[in-house]
């Protein structure tokens, strides 16, 4: 199954309600590279992406909502004490015939 528009709309709304909030963005630059974490502040939300301002350098970046669903980018929001992962809907994974057979056997 794919990502539904309603899921993106819910995520956009959640991020939009937290404009000005501190977040940690964790992104993987490649297979062999170590994931990088950056502290940023949510600046604005748009239809297909949101913009953040990074603390370490006076620069901005933007991320697609679909990047969050595909887990190529992870966002943790600051709740006043700690950073908690942004909750995302779980995408259904298409089952293979072998997995379906195992489920039927175990039922």
Protein backbone atom coordinates (compact mmCIF):
# COMPACT_ATOMS: atom_id res chain seq x y z
CA UNK A 1 0.00 0.00 0.00
CA UNK A 2 1.06 3.56 -0.49
CA UNK A 3 0.95 6.72 1.50
CA UNK A 4 -2.51 8.25 1.67
CA UNK A 5 -3.23 11.97 1.27
CA UNK A 6 -5.04 11.96 4.60
CA UNK A 7 -1.89 10.67 6.34
CA UNK A 8 0.19 13.45 4.79
CA UNK A 9 -2.50 15.99 5.75
CA UNK A 10 -2.44 14.74 9.36
CA UNK A 11 1.35 14.94 9.46
CA UNK A 12 1.31 18.44 7.90
CA UNK A 13 -1.23 19.56 10.51
CA UNK A 14 0.84 18.07 13.36
CA UNK A 15 4.01 19.81 12.18
CA UNK A 16 2.08 23.04 11.49
CA UNK A 17 0.80 23.12 15.07
CA UNK A 18 4.43 23.06 16.24
CA UNK A 19 5.88 25.97 14.26
CA UNK A 20 8.66 27.50 16.34
CA UNK A 21 9.24 24.20 18.16
CA UNK A 22 12.74 22.72 18.50
CA UNK A 23 13.29 19.39 16.77
CA UNK A 24 16.09 16.96 16.05
CA UNK A 25 16.38 15.84 12.44
CA UNK A 26 18.16 12.56 11.83
CA UNK A 27 19.03 11.80 8.23
CA UNK A 28 21.10 9.10 6.58
CA UNK A 29 23.42 10.47 3.93
CA UNK A 30 24.10 6.99 2.49
CA UNK A 31 24.37 3.28 3.21
CA UNK A 32 27.89 3.39 4.59
CA UNK A 33 27.69 6.76 6.30
CA UNK A 34 26.66 7.31 9.88
CA UNK A 35 23.28 9.09 10.36
CA UNK A 36 23.62 12.78 11.17
CA UNK A 37 21.53 14.51 13.82
CA UNK A 38 20.90 18.24 13.66
CA UNK A 39 18.95 20.52 15.98
CA UNK A 40 16.55 22.85 14.18
CA UNK A 41 13.40 24.92 14.65
CA UNK A 42 10.29 24.48 12.48
CA UNK A 43 9.89 27.67 10.44
CA UNK A 44 6.96 27.01 8.11
CA UNK A 45 4.82 24.29 6.52
CA UNK A 46 3.73 24.02 2.91
CA UNK A 47 1.59 21.55 0.96
CA UNK A 48 4.33 19.04 0.19
CA UNK A 49 7.23 20.03 2.46
CA UNK A 50 8.20 21.88 5.64
CA UNK A 51 11.07 24.28 6.27
CA UNK A 52 13.39 24.37 9.28
CA UNK A 53 16.16 26.65 10.51
CA UNK A 54 19.27 24.90 11.82
CA UNK A 55 20.93 26.03 15.05
CA UNK A 56 24.57 25.25 14.30
CA UNK A 57 24.66 27.43 11.20
CA UNK A 58 22.44 30.27 10.18
CA UNK A 59 20.85 28.31 7.33
CA UNK A 60 17.53 26.74 6.44
CA UNK A 61 16.56 23.35 5.04
CA UNK A 62 13.41 21.74 3.75
CA UNK A 63 12.06 18.19 3.98
CA UNK A 64 9.23 16.36 2.22
CA UNK A 65 6.51 14.73 4.29
CA UNK A 66 7.03 11.53 2.30
CA UNK A 67 10.64 11.39 3.56
CA UNK A 68 9.22 10.94 7.07
CA UNK A 69 6.97 8.08 5.97
CA UNK A 70 9.77 6.30 4.12
CA UNK A 71 12.04 6.82 7.14
CA UNK A 72 14.82 8.45 5.12
CA UNK A 73 14.44 11.32 7.60
CA UNK A 74 13.40 10.97 11.25
CA UNK A 75 12.11 13.88 13.33
CA UNK A 76 11.98 14.09 17.13
CA UNK A 77 10.06 16.97 18.75
CA UNK A 78 11.05 18.68 21.97
CA UNK A 79 8.28 18.36 24.57
CA UNK A 80 9.85 20.69 27.14
CA UNK A 81 12.03 18.05 28.81
CA UNK A 82 13.09 15.49 26.20
CA UNK A 83 12.90 14.82 22.49
CA UNK A 84 10.21 12.35 21.44
CA UNK A 85 9.90 10.79 17.97
CA UNK A 86 7.20 12.24 15.78
CA UNK A 87 4.50 9.57 15.66
CA UNK A 88 3.80 8.37 12.14
CA UNK A 89 1.16 6.01 10.82
CA UNK A 90 2.49 2.53 10.11
CA UNK A 91 2.43 1.64 6.45
CA UNK A 92 1.18 -1.82 5.58
CA UNK A 93 3.75 -4.04 3.96
CA UNK A 94 2.64 -6.38 1.23
CA UNK A 95 2.94 -9.95 2.48
CA UNK A 96 4.63 -12.62 0.44
CA UNK A 97 2.94 -15.95 -0.22
CA UNK A 98 5.36 -17.68 2.17
CA UNK A 99 4.41 -15.27 4.99
CA UNK A 100 0.71 -15.76 4.29
CA UNK A 101 1.15 -19.57 4.34
CA UNK A 102 2.94 -19.33 7.70
CA UNK A 103 0.12 -17.21 9.11
CA UNK A 104 -2.49 -19.70 7.94
CA UNK A 105 -0.55 -22.64 9.40
CA UNK A 106 -0.19 -20.93 12.79
CA UNK A 107 -3.90 -20.06 12.98
